[in-house]
N, C-alpha and C. Protein backbone atom coordinates (compact mmCIF):
# COMPACT_ATOMS: atom_id res chain seq x y z
N UNK A 1 0.84 -1.19 0.00
CA UNK A 1 0.00 0.00 0.00
C UNK A 1 0.88 1.25 0.00
N UNK A 2 0.42 2.23 -0.72
CA UNK A 2 1.14 3.50 -0.73
C UNK A 2 0.69 4.36 0.45
N UNK A 3 1.43 5.43 0.68
CA UNK A 3 1.04 6.37 1.75
C UNK A 3 -0.34 6.95 1.48
N UNK A 4 -0.61 7.28 0.22
CA UNK A 4 -1.91 7.85 -0.13
C UNK A 4 -3.04 6.87 0.22
N UNK A 5 -2.85 5.62 -0.09
CA UNK A 5 -3.89 4.62 0.21
C UNK A 5 -4.10 4.46 1.71
N UNK A 6 -3.01 4.43 2.46
CA UNK A 6 -3.13 4.28 3.91
C UNK A 6 -3.79 5.49 4.55
N UNK A 7 -3.40 6.69 4.13
CA UNK A 7 -4.01 7.89 4.69
C UNK A 7 -5.47 8.01 4.28
N UNK A 8 -5.79 7.61 3.07
CA UNK A 8 -7.18 7.63 2.61
C UNK A 8 -8.04 6.70 3.46
N UNK A 9 -7.51 5.53 3.77
CA UNK A 9 -8.24 4.58 4.62
C UNK A 9 -8.43 5.15 6.02
N UNK A 10 -7.43 5.81 6.54
CA UNK A 10 -7.54 6.40 7.86
C UNK A 10 -8.55 7.55 7.87
N UNK A 11 -8.50 8.39 6.85
CA UNK A 11 -9.44 9.51 6.75
C UNK A 11 -10.87 8.99 6.61
N UNK A 12 -11.04 7.88 5.91
CA UNK A 12 -12.38 7.31 5.71
C UNK A 12 -13.05 6.94 7.03
N UNK A 13 -12.26 6.67 8.07
CA UNK A 13 -12.84 6.37 9.37
C UNK A 13 -13.63 7.54 9.94
N UNK A 14 -13.22 8.75 9.61
CA UNK A 14 -13.89 9.93 10.14
C UNK A 14 -15.02 10.48 9.29
N UNK A 15 -15.07 10.10 8.03
CA UNK A 15 -16.07 10.67 7.12
C UNK A 15 -17.50 10.42 7.56
N UNK A 16 -17.89 9.20 7.98
CA UNK A 16 -19.28 9.00 8.42
C UNK A 16 -19.64 9.86 9.63
N UNK A 17 -18.69 10.05 10.54
CA UNK A 17 -18.96 10.83 11.74
C UNK A 17 -19.08 12.32 11.42
N UNK A 18 -18.21 12.83 10.57
CA UNK A 18 -18.30 14.24 10.16
C UNK A 18 -19.61 14.48 9.43
N UNK A 19 -19.98 13.55 8.55
CA UNK A 19 -21.24 13.66 7.82
C UNK A 19 -22.41 13.67 8.79
N UNK A 20 -22.39 12.83 9.81
CA UNK A 20 -23.48 12.77 10.78
C UNK A 20 -23.59 14.06 11.58
N UNK A 21 -22.46 14.69 11.87
CA UNK A 21 -22.49 15.95 12.61
C UNK A 21 -23.08 17.07 11.77
N UNK A 22 -22.76 17.09 10.48
CA UNK A 22 -23.24 18.14 9.59
C UNK A 22 -24.70 17.94 9.22
N UNK A 23 -25.11 16.69 9.00
CA UNK A 23 -26.49 16.40 8.58
C UNK A 23 -27.51 16.83 9.63
N UNK A 24 -28.71 17.13 9.16
CA UNK A 24 -29.83 17.48 10.04
C UNK A 24 -30.92 16.43 9.87
N UNK A 25 -31.65 16.14 10.92
CA UNK A 25 -32.66 15.09 10.89
C UNK A 25 -33.79 15.39 9.92
N UNK A 26 -34.08 16.67 9.68
CA UNK A 26 -35.20 17.01 8.79
C UNK A 26 -34.80 17.10 7.32
N UNK A 27 -33.55 16.85 7.00
CA UNK A 27 -33.11 16.88 5.60
C UNK A 27 -33.58 15.62 4.88
N UNK A 28 -33.81 15.76 3.59
CA UNK A 28 -34.19 14.61 2.77
C UNK A 28 -32.96 13.73 2.55
N UNK A 29 -33.17 12.47 2.19
CA UNK A 29 -32.02 11.59 1.93
C UNK A 29 -31.09 12.14 0.84
N UNK A 30 -31.64 12.86 -0.12
CA UNK A 30 -30.81 13.45 -1.18
C UNK A 30 -29.81 14.46 -0.64
N UNK A 31 -30.26 15.30 0.29
CA UNK A 31 -29.36 16.29 0.88
C UNK A 31 -28.32 15.62 1.77
N UNK A 32 -28.73 14.56 2.46
CA UNK A 32 -27.78 13.83 3.29
C UNK A 32 -26.71 13.16 2.43
N UNK A 33 -27.12 12.63 1.28
CA UNK A 33 -26.15 12.03 0.37
C UNK A 33 -25.21 13.10 -0.17
N UNK A 34 -25.77 14.27 -0.49
CA UNK A 34 -24.94 15.37 -1.01
C UNK A 34 -23.90 15.79 0.03
N UNK A 35 -24.29 15.81 1.29
CA UNK A 35 -23.35 16.14 2.37
C UNK A 35 -22.22 15.12 2.41
N UNK A 36 -22.58 13.83 2.32
CA UNK A 36 -21.58 12.77 2.30
C UNK A 36 -20.63 12.95 1.12
N UNK A 37 -21.18 13.29 -0.04
CA UNK A 37 -20.36 13.47 -1.24
C UNK A 37 -19.38 14.62 -1.07
N UNK A 38 -19.85 15.74 -0.53
CA UNK A 38 -18.99 16.91 -0.35
C UNK A 38 -17.89 16.61 0.67
N UNK A 39 -18.25 15.99 1.79
CA UNK A 39 -17.25 15.63 2.80
C UNK A 39 -16.21 14.67 2.20
N UNK A 40 -16.67 13.72 1.40
CA UNK A 40 -15.75 12.76 0.77
C UNK A 40 -14.80 13.44 -0.20
N UNK A 41 -15.31 14.33 -1.03
CA UNK A 41 -14.46 15.02 -2.02
C UNK A 41 -13.45 15.91 -1.32
N UNK A 42 -13.89 16.67 -0.34
CA UNK A 42 -12.97 17.54 0.40
C UNK A 42 -11.89 16.70 1.10
N UNK A 43 -12.29 15.58 1.67
CA UNK A 43 -11.33 14.69 2.33
C UNK A 43 -10.33 14.12 1.34
N UNK A 44 -10.80 13.74 0.16
CA UNK A 44 -9.91 13.17 -0.86
C UNK A 44 -8.93 14.21 -1.38
N UNK A 45 -9.40 15.41 -1.64
CA UNK A 45 -8.50 16.47 -2.12
C UNK A 45 -7.46 16.80 -1.05
N UNK A 46 -7.91 16.91 0.21
CA UNK A 46 -6.97 17.19 1.29
C UNK A 46 -5.94 16.09 1.47
N UNK A 47 -6.39 14.85 1.41
CA UNK A 47 -5.47 13.72 1.56
C UNK A 47 -4.46 13.69 0.42
N UNK A 48 -4.92 13.88 -0.80
CA UNK A 48 -4.00 13.90 -1.95
C UNK A 48 -3.02 15.07 -1.85
N UNK A 49 -3.52 16.23 -1.43
CA UNK A 49 -2.66 17.41 -1.31
C UNK A 49 -1.55 17.17 -0.29
N UNK A 50 -1.92 16.68 0.89
CA UNK A 50 -0.92 16.50 1.94
C UNK A 50 0.04 15.33 1.67
N UNK A 51 -0.31 14.48 0.72
CA UNK A 51 0.59 13.40 0.30
C UNK A 51 1.39 13.78 -0.94
N UNK A 52 1.24 15.00 -1.42
CA UNK A 52 1.98 15.46 -2.59
C UNK A 52 1.52 14.83 -3.88
N UNK A 53 0.28 14.34 -3.91
CA UNK A 53 -0.24 13.69 -5.11
C UNK A 53 -1.51 14.38 -5.61
N UNK A 54 -1.54 15.69 -5.49
CA UNK A 54 -2.69 16.44 -5.95
C UNK A 54 -2.61 16.59 -7.47
N UNK A 55 -3.00 15.52 -8.16
CA UNK A 55 -2.94 15.45 -9.61
C UNK A 55 -4.34 15.13 -10.12
N UNK A 56 -4.78 15.89 -11.11
CA UNK A 56 -6.09 15.65 -11.71
C UNK A 56 -5.89 15.08 -13.11
N UNK A 57 -6.41 13.90 -13.36
CA UNK A 57 -6.27 13.28 -14.67
C UNK A 57 -4.99 12.48 -14.79
N UNK A 58 -4.99 11.61 -15.75
CA UNK A 58 -3.81 10.80 -16.00
C UNK A 58 -3.76 9.56 -15.12
N UNK A 59 -2.74 8.75 -15.32
CA UNK A 59 -2.65 7.49 -14.58
C UNK A 59 -2.28 7.66 -13.11
N UNK A 60 -1.75 8.81 -12.72
CA UNK A 60 -1.36 9.04 -11.32
C UNK A 60 -2.31 10.02 -10.64
N UNK A 61 -3.58 9.92 -10.95
CA UNK A 61 -4.58 10.83 -10.39
C UNK A 61 -4.80 10.50 -8.91
N UNK A 62 -4.13 11.24 -8.05
CA UNK A 62 -4.20 10.98 -6.62
C UNK A 62 -5.56 11.28 -6.03
N UNK A 63 -6.25 12.29 -6.57
CA UNK A 63 -7.56 12.67 -6.03
C UNK A 63 -8.58 11.57 -6.27
N UNK A 64 -8.65 11.06 -7.49
CA UNK A 64 -9.63 10.01 -7.80
C UNK A 64 -9.29 8.73 -7.03
N UNK A 65 -8.02 8.40 -6.95
CA UNK A 65 -7.58 7.22 -6.21
C UNK A 65 -8.02 7.34 -4.75
N UNK A 66 -7.75 8.48 -4.14
CA UNK A 66 -8.12 8.72 -2.75
C UNK A 66 -9.64 8.73 -2.58
N UNK A 67 -10.34 9.36 -3.51
CA UNK A 67 -11.80 9.44 -3.44
C UNK A 67 -12.44 8.06 -3.49
N UNK A 68 -11.95 7.20 -4.36
CA UNK A 68 -12.51 5.84 -4.45
C UNK A 68 -12.32 5.08 -3.14
N UNK A 69 -11.15 5.18 -2.56
CA UNK A 69 -10.89 4.49 -1.29
C UNK A 69 -11.79 5.04 -0.19
N UNK A 70 -11.88 6.36 -0.11
CA UNK A 70 -12.68 6.99 0.95
C UNK A 70 -14.15 6.65 0.80
N UNK A 71 -14.69 6.75 -0.41
CA UNK A 71 -16.12 6.48 -0.61
C UNK A 71 -16.46 5.03 -0.29
N UNK A 72 -15.67 4.10 -0.77
CA UNK A 72 -15.97 2.69 -0.53
C UNK A 72 -15.88 2.36 0.96
N UNK A 73 -14.80 2.76 1.60
CA UNK A 73 -14.64 2.44 3.02
C UNK A 73 -15.65 3.19 3.88
N UNK A 74 -15.88 4.47 3.62
CA UNK A 74 -16.81 5.25 4.43
C UNK A 74 -18.24 4.74 4.28
N UNK A 75 -18.62 4.30 3.09
CA UNK A 75 -19.96 3.75 2.89
C UNK A 75 -20.12 2.46 3.69
N UNK A 76 -19.14 1.59 3.63
CA UNK A 76 -19.20 0.35 4.41
C UNK A 76 -19.22 0.61 5.91
N UNK A 77 -18.40 1.56 6.36
CA UNK A 77 -18.39 1.90 7.77
C UNK A 77 -19.71 2.52 8.21
N UNK A 78 -20.29 3.33 7.35
CA UNK A 78 -21.59 3.93 7.67
C UNK A 78 -22.64 2.85 7.87
N UNK A 79 -22.64 1.87 6.99
CA UNK A 79 -23.61 0.76 7.10
C UNK A 79 -23.40 -0.01 8.40
N UNK A 80 -22.15 -0.25 8.76
CA UNK A 80 -21.85 -1.01 9.97
C UNK A 80 -22.10 -0.23 11.25
N UNK A 81 -21.87 1.06 11.19
CA UNK A 81 -22.03 1.90 12.38
C UNK A 81 -23.35 2.67 12.37
N UNK A 82 -24.30 2.29 11.54
CA UNK A 82 -25.54 3.05 11.36
C UNK A 82 -26.26 3.41 12.66
N UNK A 83 -26.45 2.49 13.60
CA UNK A 83 -27.17 2.89 14.82
C UNK A 83 -26.46 4.02 15.59
N UNK A 84 -25.16 3.92 15.74
CA UNK A 84 -24.42 4.95 16.47
C UNK A 84 -24.39 6.26 15.68
N UNK A 85 -24.25 6.17 14.38
CA UNK A 85 -24.21 7.38 13.55
C UNK A 85 -25.57 8.08 13.57
N UNK A 86 -26.65 7.32 13.55
CA UNK A 86 -28.00 7.91 13.63
C UNK A 86 -28.19 8.63 14.96
N UNK A 87 -27.63 8.09 16.05
CA UNK A 87 -27.72 8.77 17.34
C UNK A 87 -26.97 10.10 17.31
N UNK A 88 -25.80 10.11 16.70
CA UNK A 88 -25.03 11.37 16.60
C UNK A 88 -25.81 12.36 15.75
N UNK A 89 -26.38 11.89 14.67
CA UNK A 89 -27.16 12.77 13.79
C UNK A 89 -28.35 13.38 14.55
N UNK A 90 -29.04 12.56 15.32
CA UNK A 90 -30.19 13.08 16.10
C UNK A 90 -29.72 14.07 17.17
N UNK A 91 -28.60 13.77 17.81
CA UNK A 91 -28.12 14.63 18.89
C UNK A 91 -27.60 15.98 18.39
N UNK A 92 -27.06 16.01 17.18
CA UNK A 92 -26.49 17.25 16.66
C UNK A 92 -27.40 17.97 15.68
N UNK A 93 -28.46 17.31 15.24
CA UNK A 93 -29.31 17.91 14.22
C UNK A 93 -30.65 18.21 14.71
């Protein structure tokens, strides 16, 4: 694994929780998904930037590589941690 992959996996651990803090209980599922997407993209760009791989396009596209890792892992973690994440969402929203 490269540094970018490892940092992306680590960052993905926080994405569901950040999304839950930002989301509001009265938002539609579409807005909640949009929040997840924005948090994921910002996380991927930040991770690629701090790893020196902020490249758009081409075979060494660090942003897309990081984004794929973050979205896949964060979605799986969200599904597994759903009860706890829903509690955070209710408490903060």
